[in-house]
């Protein structure tokens, strides 16, 4: 089973139901498109900064290759390393782009396919049954200090009012 990250757009005039309908499910899996056709995949996902960084990296690699003469095996290793990185982290780049645009993480769904993930998310988001509350960790309160004499720990002979 695969995991899908559900991102909802910033609140609009339509309210919460409009945001649920415009939700985007991003699979948390290896991206074969980014692995095989990484430049075109980045452009297709509108990741302009990542595309620019990829072009600059390849320009620097080709400059160094003409200057110092890399072995063809080294160029192949560099190419497949970049391709593997984009295959593994490509989906996270899409999620980060959506987060920068104000989209919120709405849910993480486990399903066998995209259609099943959409069905599960919409059942949870639009269903009549109450959604399980999210666990919010509270900041711990500062511990109250006892008012009496404290035991001395360490090398100091007396606490001197501390």
N, C-alpha and C. Protein backbone atom coordinates (compact mmCIF):
# COMPACT_ATOMS: atom_id res chain seq x y z
N UNK A 1 0.83 -1.17 0.00
CA UNK A 1 0.00 0.00 0.00
C UNK A 1 0.88 1.24 0.00
N UNK A 2 0.41 2.25 -0.68
CA UNK A 2 1.16 3.50 -0.80
C UNK A 2 0.50 4.57 0.07
N UNK A 3 1.31 5.56 0.40
CA UNK A 3 0.80 6.70 1.15
C UNK A 3 0.65 7.88 0.21
N UNK A 4 -0.39 8.67 0.42
CA UNK A 4 -0.66 9.86 -0.37
C UNK A 4 -0.78 11.04 0.58
N UNK A 5 -0.08 12.11 0.27
CA UNK A 5 -0.17 13.34 1.05
C UNK A 5 -1.25 14.21 0.44
N UNK A 6 -2.19 14.64 1.25
CA UNK A 6 -3.30 15.46 0.77
C UNK A 6 -3.02 16.91 1.14
N UNK A 7 -2.93 17.76 0.13
CA UNK A 7 -2.69 19.19 0.32
C UNK A 7 -3.95 19.94 -0.11
N UNK A 8 -4.40 20.87 0.74
CA UNK A 8 -5.57 21.68 0.39
C UNK A 8 -5.12 23.12 0.16
N UNK A 9 -5.78 23.81 -0.77
CA UNK A 9 -5.38 25.18 -1.07
C UNK A 9 -5.76 26.14 0.04
N UNK A 10 -5.20 27.35 -0.01
CA UNK A 10 -5.57 28.35 1.00
C UNK A 10 -7.08 28.62 0.93
N UNK A 11 -7.65 29.01 2.05
CA UNK A 11 -9.09 29.25 2.11
C UNK A 11 -9.49 30.30 1.09
N UNK A 12 -10.55 30.02 0.38
CA UNK A 12 -11.07 30.93 -0.63
C UNK A 12 -12.49 31.33 -0.26
N UNK A 13 -13.19 31.92 -1.22
CA UNK A 13 -14.56 32.36 -0.96
C UNK A 13 -15.50 31.19 -0.70
N UNK A 14 -15.22 30.04 -1.30
CA UNK A 14 -16.09 28.88 -1.18
C UNK A 14 -16.06 28.23 0.18
N UNK A 15 -15.09 28.56 0.99
CA UNK A 15 -15.01 27.99 2.32
C UNK A 15 -14.27 26.66 2.33
N UNK A 16 -14.52 25.91 3.39
CA UNK A 16 -13.79 24.66 3.61
C UNK A 16 -14.18 23.57 2.60
N UNK A 17 -15.46 23.54 2.17
CA UNK A 17 -15.87 22.51 1.20
C UNK A 17 -15.20 22.75 -0.16
N UNK A 18 -14.99 24.00 -0.53
CA UNK A 18 -14.29 24.30 -1.78
C UNK A 18 -12.84 23.86 -1.70
N UNK A 19 -12.21 24.05 -0.54
CA UNK A 19 -10.81 23.62 -0.36
C UNK A 19 -10.71 22.11 -0.42
N UNK A 20 -11.69 21.41 0.13
CA UNK A 20 -11.67 19.94 0.09
C UNK A 20 -11.82 19.46 -1.35
N UNK A 21 -12.67 20.11 -2.11
CA UNK A 21 -12.87 19.70 -3.51
C UNK A 21 -11.65 19.96 -4.37
N UNK A 22 -10.87 20.99 -4.06
CA UNK A 22 -9.68 21.32 -4.84
C UNK A 22 -8.42 20.68 -4.28
N UNK A 23 -8.55 19.76 -3.35
CA UNK A 23 -7.40 19.11 -2.71
C UNK A 23 -6.57 18.38 -3.76
N UNK A 24 -5.29 18.32 -3.49
CA UNK A 24 -4.35 17.64 -4.39
C UNK A 24 -3.68 16.51 -3.62
N UNK A 25 -3.74 15.30 -4.18
CA UNK A 25 -3.12 14.14 -3.57
C UNK A 25 -1.79 13.87 -4.26
N UNK A 26 -0.73 13.86 -3.48
CA UNK A 26 0.61 13.64 -4.01
C UNK A 26 1.10 12.30 -3.46
N UNK A 27 1.38 11.33 -4.34
CA UNK A 27 1.85 10.03 -3.84
C UNK A 27 3.23 10.15 -3.22
N UNK A 28 3.43 9.41 -2.16
CA UNK A 28 4.73 9.38 -1.49
C UNK A 28 5.48 8.15 -1.99
N UNK A 29 5.95 8.25 -3.22
CA UNK A 29 6.63 7.12 -3.85
C UNK A 29 7.70 7.63 -4.80
N UNK A 30 8.45 6.69 -5.34
CA UNK A 30 9.49 7.02 -6.30
C UNK A 30 8.86 7.57 -7.56
N UNK A 31 9.41 8.64 -8.11
CA UNK A 31 8.87 9.26 -9.31
C UNK A 31 9.70 8.83 -10.52
N UNK A 32 9.14 7.93 -11.31
CA UNK A 32 9.85 7.45 -12.49
C UNK A 32 10.00 8.53 -13.54
N UNK A 33 9.04 9.43 -13.63
CA UNK A 33 9.15 10.54 -14.58
C UNK A 33 10.31 11.45 -14.26
N UNK A 34 10.48 11.75 -12.96
CA UNK A 34 11.60 12.59 -12.54
C UNK A 34 12.92 11.86 -12.72
N UNK A 35 12.92 10.55 -12.57
CA UNK A 35 14.14 9.77 -12.72
C UNK A 35 14.58 9.69 -14.18
N UNK A 36 13.66 9.45 -15.08
CA UNK A 36 14.03 9.25 -16.49
C UNK A 36 14.12 10.55 -17.28
N UNK A 37 13.20 11.47 -17.06
CA UNK A 37 13.15 12.72 -17.82
C UNK A 37 13.15 13.89 -16.84
N UNK A 38 14.21 14.02 -16.05
CA UNK A 38 14.17 14.95 -14.94
C UNK A 38 13.97 16.40 -15.35
N UNK A 39 14.58 16.88 -16.39
CA UNK A 39 14.39 18.27 -16.79
C UNK A 39 12.97 18.55 -17.23
N UNK A 40 12.41 17.68 -18.05
CA UNK A 40 11.02 17.86 -18.50
C UNK A 40 10.03 17.69 -17.36
N UNK A 41 10.32 16.76 -16.44
CA UNK A 41 9.43 16.55 -15.31
C UNK A 41 9.39 17.79 -14.42
N UNK A 42 10.57 18.39 -14.18
CA UNK A 42 10.61 19.60 -13.36
C UNK A 42 9.82 20.73 -14.02
N UNK A 43 9.95 20.88 -15.32
CA UNK A 43 9.18 21.90 -16.03
C UNK A 43 7.69 21.60 -15.99
N UNK A 44 7.33 20.33 -16.12
CA UNK A 44 5.92 19.94 -16.07
C UNK A 44 5.29 20.19 -14.71
N UNK A 45 6.07 20.07 -13.65
CA UNK A 45 5.57 20.33 -12.30
C UNK A 45 5.69 21.80 -11.91
N UNK A 46 6.18 22.61 -12.82
CA UNK A 46 6.38 24.06 -12.62
C UNK A 46 7.32 24.35 -11.45
N UNK A 47 8.36 23.58 -11.35
CA UNK A 47 9.39 23.80 -10.35
C UNK A 47 10.51 24.59 -11.00
N UNK A 48 10.30 25.88 -11.15
CA UNK A 48 11.19 26.73 -11.92
C UNK A 48 12.57 26.85 -11.28
N UNK A 49 12.61 27.03 -9.97
CA UNK A 49 13.89 27.18 -9.29
C UNK A 49 14.72 25.90 -9.38
N UNK A 50 14.07 24.76 -9.19
CA UNK A 50 14.78 23.48 -9.29
C UNK A 50 15.27 23.26 -10.72
N UNK A 51 14.48 23.67 -11.72
CA UNK A 51 14.91 23.55 -13.11
C UNK A 51 16.12 24.43 -13.37
N UNK A 52 16.08 25.66 -12.86
CA UNK A 52 17.22 26.57 -13.02
C UNK A 52 18.47 26.01 -12.35
N UNK A 53 18.32 25.45 -11.15
CA UNK A 53 19.46 24.85 -10.45
C UNK A 53 20.00 23.65 -11.22
N UNK A 54 19.12 22.88 -11.83
CA UNK A 54 19.57 21.73 -12.63
C UNK A 54 20.35 22.20 -13.85
N UNK A 55 19.87 23.23 -14.52
CA UNK A 55 20.58 23.75 -15.70
C UNK A 55 21.93 24.33 -15.28
N UNK A 56 21.98 25.06 -14.18
CA UNK A 56 23.25 25.62 -13.71
C UNK A 56 24.22 24.51 -13.29
N UNK A 57 23.72 23.46 -12.67
CA UNK A 57 24.59 22.35 -12.28
C UNK A 57 25.17 21.67 -13.51
N UNK A 58 24.34 21.45 -14.53
CA UNK A 58 24.86 20.81 -15.75
C UNK A 58 25.81 21.73 -16.50
N UNK A 59 25.56 23.03 -16.47
CA UNK A 59 26.49 23.96 -17.11
C UNK A 59 27.85 23.92 -16.40
N UNK A 60 27.83 23.87 -15.07
CA UNK A 60 29.09 23.79 -14.32
C UNK A 60 29.79 22.47 -14.57
N UNK A 61 29.04 21.39 -14.66
CA UNK A 61 29.65 20.08 -14.94
C UNK A 61 30.28 20.06 -16.32
N UNK A 62 29.58 20.59 -17.31
CA UNK A 62 30.15 20.60 -18.67
C UNK A 62 31.34 21.55 -18.77
N UNK A 63 31.32 22.65 -18.02
CA UNK A 63 32.48 23.54 -17.99
C UNK A 63 33.68 22.83 -17.39
N UNK A 64 33.46 22.15 -16.26
CA UNK A 64 34.56 21.42 -15.64
C UNK A 64 35.03 20.27 -16.52
N UNK A 65 34.11 19.68 -17.27
CA UNK A 65 34.49 18.57 -18.15
C UNK A 65 35.37 19.07 -19.29
N UNK A 66 35.05 20.22 -19.86
CA UNK A 66 35.89 20.75 -20.93
C UNK A 66 37.20 21.29 -20.38
N UNK A 67 37.18 21.77 -19.16
CA UNK A 67 38.39 22.33 -18.55
C UNK A 67 39.36 21.26 -18.08
N UNK A 68 38.82 20.22 -17.42
CA UNK A 68 39.67 19.20 -16.82
C UNK A 68 39.55 17.83 -17.48
N UNK A 69 38.54 17.62 -18.29
CA UNK A 69 38.37 16.35 -18.99
C UNK A 69 37.97 15.19 -18.09
N UNK A 70 36.74 15.22 -17.58
CA UNK A 70 36.24 14.10 -16.78
C UNK A 70 36.18 12.84 -17.63
N UNK A 71 36.30 11.72 -16.98
CA UNK A 71 36.13 10.44 -17.65
C UNK A 71 34.63 10.26 -17.95
N UNK A 72 34.27 9.64 -19.07
CA UNK A 72 32.84 9.45 -19.37
C UNK A 72 32.08 8.69 -18.28
N UNK A 73 32.75 7.81 -17.59
CA UNK A 73 32.10 7.09 -16.49
C UNK A 73 31.71 8.06 -15.37
N UNK A 74 32.56 9.04 -15.11
CA UNK A 74 32.26 10.02 -14.07
C UNK A 74 31.04 10.85 -14.47
N UNK A 75 30.95 11.23 -15.74
CA UNK A 75 29.76 11.98 -16.19
C UNK A 75 28.50 11.14 -16.06
N UNK A 76 28.60 9.87 -16.41
CA UNK A 76 27.44 8.99 -16.27
C UNK A 76 27.03 8.82 -14.82
N UNK A 77 28.01 8.70 -13.94
CA UNK A 77 27.72 8.57 -12.51
C UNK A 77 27.06 9.84 -11.97
N UNK A 78 27.53 10.98 -12.40
CA UNK A 78 26.91 12.25 -11.98
C UNK A 78 25.47 12.34 -12.49
N UNK A 79 25.26 11.98 -13.75
CA UNK A 79 23.92 12.02 -14.34
C UNK A 79 22.95 11.13 -13.57
N UNK A 80 23.33 9.89 -13.31
CA UNK A 80 22.43 8.96 -12.65
C UNK A 80 22.26 9.29 -11.17
N UNK A 81 23.24 9.92 -10.56
CA UNK A 81 23.08 10.36 -9.18
C UNK A 81 22.03 11.47 -9.08
N UNK A 82 22.11 12.44 -9.99
CA UNK A 82 21.11 13.52 -10.01
C UNK A 82 19.73 12.96 -10.34
N UNK A 83 19.67 12.03 -11.29
CA UNK A 83 18.40 11.42 -11.67
C UNK A 83 17.79 10.64 -10.50
N UNK A 84 18.62 9.90 -9.78
CA UNK A 84 18.12 9.13 -8.64
C UNK A 84 17.63 10.06 -7.53
N UNK A 85 18.37 11.13 -7.27
CA UNK A 85 17.94 12.10 -6.26
C UNK A 85 16.59 12.69 -6.61
N UNK A 86 16.41 13.08 -7.87
CA UNK A 86 15.12 13.66 -8.27
C UNK A 86 14.01 12.61 -8.25
N UNK A 87 14.33 11.36 -8.55
CA UNK A 87 13.32 10.31 -8.46
C UNK A 87 12.85 10.09 -7.04
N UNK A 88 13.77 10.17 -6.09
CA UNK A 88 13.41 9.95 -4.69
C UNK A 88 12.76 11.19 -4.08
N UNK A 89 13.32 12.36 -4.33
CA UNK A 89 12.87 13.59 -3.66
C UNK A 89 11.95 14.46 -4.52
N UNK A 90 11.63 14.04 -5.71
CA UNK A 90 10.81 14.87 -6.60
C UNK A 90 9.45 15.21 -6.03
N UNK A 91 8.78 14.23 -5.45
CA UNK A 91 7.45 14.48 -4.88
C UNK A 91 7.54 15.44 -3.69
N UNK A 92 8.61 15.34 -2.92
CA UNK A 92 8.78 16.27 -1.79
C UNK A 92 8.99 17.70 -2.29
N UNK A 93 9.65 17.85 -3.43
CA UNK A 93 9.80 19.19 -4.00
C UNK A 93 8.45 19.79 -4.37
N UNK A 94 7.55 18.95 -4.89
CA UNK A 94 6.20 19.42 -5.23
C UNK A 94 5.45 19.83 -3.96
N UNK A 95 5.56 19.03 -2.90
CA UNK A 95 4.88 19.35 -1.65
C UNK A 95 5.43 20.64 -1.05
N UNK A 96 6.74 20.83 -1.11
CA UNK A 96 7.33 22.07 -0.59
C UNK A 96 6.88 23.28 -1.39
N UNK A 97 6.74 23.12 -2.71
CA UNK A 97 6.26 24.23 -3.53
C UNK A 97 4.83 24.61 -3.13
N UNK A 98 3.99 23.61 -2.94
CA UNK A 98 2.61 23.88 -2.53
C UNK A 98 2.56 24.53 -1.15
N UNK A 99 3.43 24.09 -0.24
CA UNK A 99 3.47 24.68 1.10
C UNK A 99 3.88 26.15 1.04
N UNK A 100 4.85 26.47 0.19
CA UNK A 100 5.26 27.87 0.06
C UNK A 100 4.14 28.73 -0.51
N UNK A 101 3.27 28.14 -1.31
CA UNK A 101 2.15 28.89 -1.87
C UNK A 101 0.97 29.02 -0.90
N UNK A 102 1.10 28.45 0.28
CA UNK A 102 0.04 28.59 1.28
C UNK A 102 -0.85 27.37 1.41
N UNK A 103 -0.60 26.31 0.67
CA UNK A 103 -1.40 25.10 0.79
C UNK A 103 -1.10 24.46 2.14
N UNK A 104 -2.09 23.77 2.69
CA UNK A 104 -1.94 23.15 4.00
C UNK A 104 -1.97 21.62 3.86
N UNK A 105 -1.27 20.96 4.77
CA UNK A 105 -1.33 19.51 4.85
C UNK A 105 -2.64 19.15 5.51
N UNK A 106 -3.52 18.49 4.77
CA UNK A 106 -4.84 18.17 5.30
C UNK A 106 -4.89 16.75 5.86
N UNK A 107 -4.21 15.82 5.21
CA UNK A 107 -4.31 14.43 5.64
C UNK A 107 -3.22 13.62 4.96
N UNK A 108 -2.98 12.45 5.48
CA UNK A 108 -2.14 11.45 4.84
C UNK A 108 -2.98 10.19 4.74
N UNK A 109 -3.13 9.68 3.51
CA UNK A 109 -4.03 8.57 3.26
C UNK A 109 -3.22 7.37 2.78
N UNK A 110 -3.57 6.20 3.28
CA UNK A 110 -2.94 4.97 2.83
C UNK A 110 -3.94 4.24 1.94
N UNK A 111 -3.51 3.93 0.71
CA UNK A 111 -4.40 3.27 -0.24
C UNK A 111 -3.59 2.53 -1.30
N UNK A 112 -4.27 1.67 -2.05
CA UNK A 112 -3.61 0.91 -3.11
C UNK A 112 -3.47 1.71 -4.40
N UNK A 113 -4.39 2.64 -4.65
CA UNK A 113 -4.35 3.42 -5.89
C UNK A 113 -4.79 4.85 -5.59
N UNK A 114 -4.60 5.71 -6.57
CA UNK A 114 -4.99 7.11 -6.41
C UNK A 114 -6.51 7.23 -6.24
N UNK A 115 -7.27 6.45 -6.99
CA UNK A 115 -8.73 6.51 -6.88
C UNK A 115 -9.20 6.10 -5.49
N UNK A 116 -8.59 5.06 -4.94
CA UNK A 116 -8.96 4.62 -3.59
C UNK A 116 -8.54 5.66 -2.55
N UNK A 117 -7.40 6.29 -2.75
CA UNK A 117 -6.95 7.34 -1.83
C UNK A 117 -7.91 8.52 -1.85
N UNK A 118 -8.34 8.93 -3.05
CA UNK A 118 -9.30 10.03 -3.15
C UNK A 118 -10.61 9.67 -2.44
N UNK A 119 -11.08 8.44 -2.66
CA UNK A 119 -12.32 8.02 -2.03
C UNK A 119 -12.21 8.05 -0.51
N UNK A 120 -11.11 7.54 0.01
CA UNK A 120 -10.92 7.53 1.47
C UNK A 120 -10.82 8.95 2.03
N UNK A 121 -10.11 9.82 1.32
CA UNK A 121 -9.99 11.19 1.82
C UNK A 121 -11.33 11.90 1.81
N UNK A 122 -12.09 11.77 0.72
CA UNK A 122 -13.38 12.46 0.64
C UNK A 122 -14.37 11.88 1.64
N UNK A 123 -14.29 10.59 1.91
CA UNK A 123 -15.16 10.01 2.94
C UNK A 123 -14.86 10.63 4.30
N UNK A 124 -13.59 10.81 4.60
CA UNK A 124 -13.21 11.40 5.89
C UNK A 124 -13.56 12.89 5.94
N UNK A 125 -13.25 13.61 4.87
CA UNK A 125 -13.41 15.06 4.89
C UNK A 125 -14.86 15.50 4.77
N UNK A 126 -15.65 14.80 3.98
CA UNK A 126 -17.03 15.22 3.75
C UNK A 126 -18.05 14.36 4.46
N UNK A 127 -17.61 13.35 5.18
CA UNK A 127 -18.53 12.44 5.87
C UNK A 127 -19.21 13.12 7.05
N UNK A 128 -20.32 12.51 7.48
CA UNK A 128 -21.08 13.04 8.61
C UNK A 128 -20.45 12.66 9.94
N UNK A 129 -19.69 11.59 9.95
CA UNK A 129 -19.10 11.15 11.21
C UNK A 129 -17.99 12.10 11.62
N UNK A 130 -17.83 12.32 12.89
CA UNK A 130 -16.78 13.25 13.34
C UNK A 130 -15.39 12.66 13.06
N UNK A 131 -14.50 13.54 12.69
CA UNK A 131 -13.14 13.15 12.42
C UNK A 131 -12.39 13.04 13.73
N UNK A 132 -11.53 12.05 13.83
CA UNK A 132 -10.74 11.88 15.05
C UNK A 132 -9.90 13.12 15.28
N UNK A 133 -9.89 13.64 16.48
CA UNK A 133 -9.14 14.87 16.73
C UNK A 133 -7.64 14.63 16.58
N UNK A 134 -6.96 15.64 16.09
CA UNK A 134 -5.50 15.56 15.96
C UNK A 134 -4.89 15.78 17.33
N UNK A 135 -3.83 15.08 17.59
CA UNK A 135 -3.14 15.21 18.87
C UNK A 135 -2.20 16.40 18.76
N UNK A 136 -2.40 17.36 19.64
CA UNK A 136 -1.57 18.56 19.66
C UNK A 136 -0.72 18.49 20.91
N UNK A 137 0.58 18.57 20.71
CA UNK A 137 1.46 18.52 21.87
C UNK A 137 1.52 19.91 22.49
N UNK A 138 1.27 19.97 23.77
CA UNK A 138 1.31 21.24 24.49
C UNK A 138 2.73 21.47 25.00
N UNK A 139 3.08 22.73 25.11
CA UNK A 139 4.38 23.04 25.67
C UNK A 139 4.34 22.77 27.17
N UNK A 140 5.35 22.11 27.69
CA UNK A 140 5.32 21.79 29.12
C UNK A 140 5.44 23.06 29.97
N UNK A 141 4.67 23.11 31.03
CA UNK A 141 4.73 24.25 31.94
C UNK A 141 6.00 24.14 32.76
N UNK A 142 6.49 25.28 33.18
CA UNK A 142 7.70 25.26 33.99
C UNK A 142 7.36 24.66 35.35
N UNK A 143 8.23 23.81 35.84
CA UNK A 143 8.00 23.13 37.10
C UNK A 143 8.17 24.12 38.25
N UNK A 144 7.27 24.04 39.21
CA UNK A 144 7.35 24.91 40.37
C UNK A 144 8.49 24.44 41.26
N UNK A 145 9.26 25.38 41.75
CA UNK A 145 10.38 25.04 42.63
C UNK A 145 9.89 24.93 44.06
N UNK A 146 10.39 23.95 44.80
CA UNK A 146 9.98 23.85 46.21
C UNK A 146 10.53 25.03 47.00
N UNK A 147 9.79 25.43 48.01
CA UNK A 147 10.17 26.62 48.77
C UNK A 147 11.16 26.32 49.89
N UNK A 148 11.32 25.08 50.26
CA UNK A 148 12.21 24.72 51.37
C UNK A 148 13.66 24.61 50.92
N UNK A 149 14.47 24.13 51.83
CA UNK A 149 15.89 23.94 51.54
C UNK A 149 16.07 22.83 50.52
N UNK A 150 16.92 23.09 49.56
CA UNK A 150 17.18 22.11 48.51
C UNK A 150 18.40 21.28 48.85
N UNK A 151 18.41 20.02 48.46
CA UNK A 151 19.62 19.22 48.69
C UNK A 151 20.73 19.73 47.78
N UNK A 152 21.94 19.67 48.28
CA UNK A 152 23.08 20.18 47.54
C UNK A 152 23.67 19.05 46.71
N UNK A 153 23.83 19.34 45.42
CA UNK A 153 24.43 18.37 44.51
C UNK A 153 25.65 19.03 43.90
N UNK A 154 26.77 18.38 43.93
CA UNK A 154 27.96 18.93 43.31
C UNK A 154 29.01 19.31 44.32
N UNK A 155 29.86 20.26 43.96
CA UNK A 155 31.01 20.62 44.76
C UNK A 155 30.77 21.80 45.69
N UNK A 156 29.63 22.44 45.62
CA UNK A 156 29.39 23.63 46.42
C UNK A 156 28.96 23.24 47.83
N UNK A 157 29.49 23.91 48.87
CA UNK A 157 29.17 23.52 50.25
C UNK A 157 27.77 23.90 50.67
N UNK A 158 27.20 24.93 50.10
CA UNK A 158 25.86 25.33 50.48
C UNK A 158 25.17 25.95 49.27
N UNK A 159 23.84 25.96 49.29
CA UNK A 159 23.07 26.44 48.15
C UNK A 159 23.07 27.95 48.03
N UNK A 160 23.23 28.70 49.08
CA UNK A 160 23.25 30.15 49.13
C UNK A 160 22.03 30.77 48.45
N UNK A 161 20.87 30.31 48.80
CA UNK A 161 19.64 30.92 48.34
C UNK A 161 19.21 30.56 46.92
N UNK A 162 19.81 29.60 46.35
CA UNK A 162 19.40 29.21 44.99
C UNK A 162 18.45 28.08 45.01
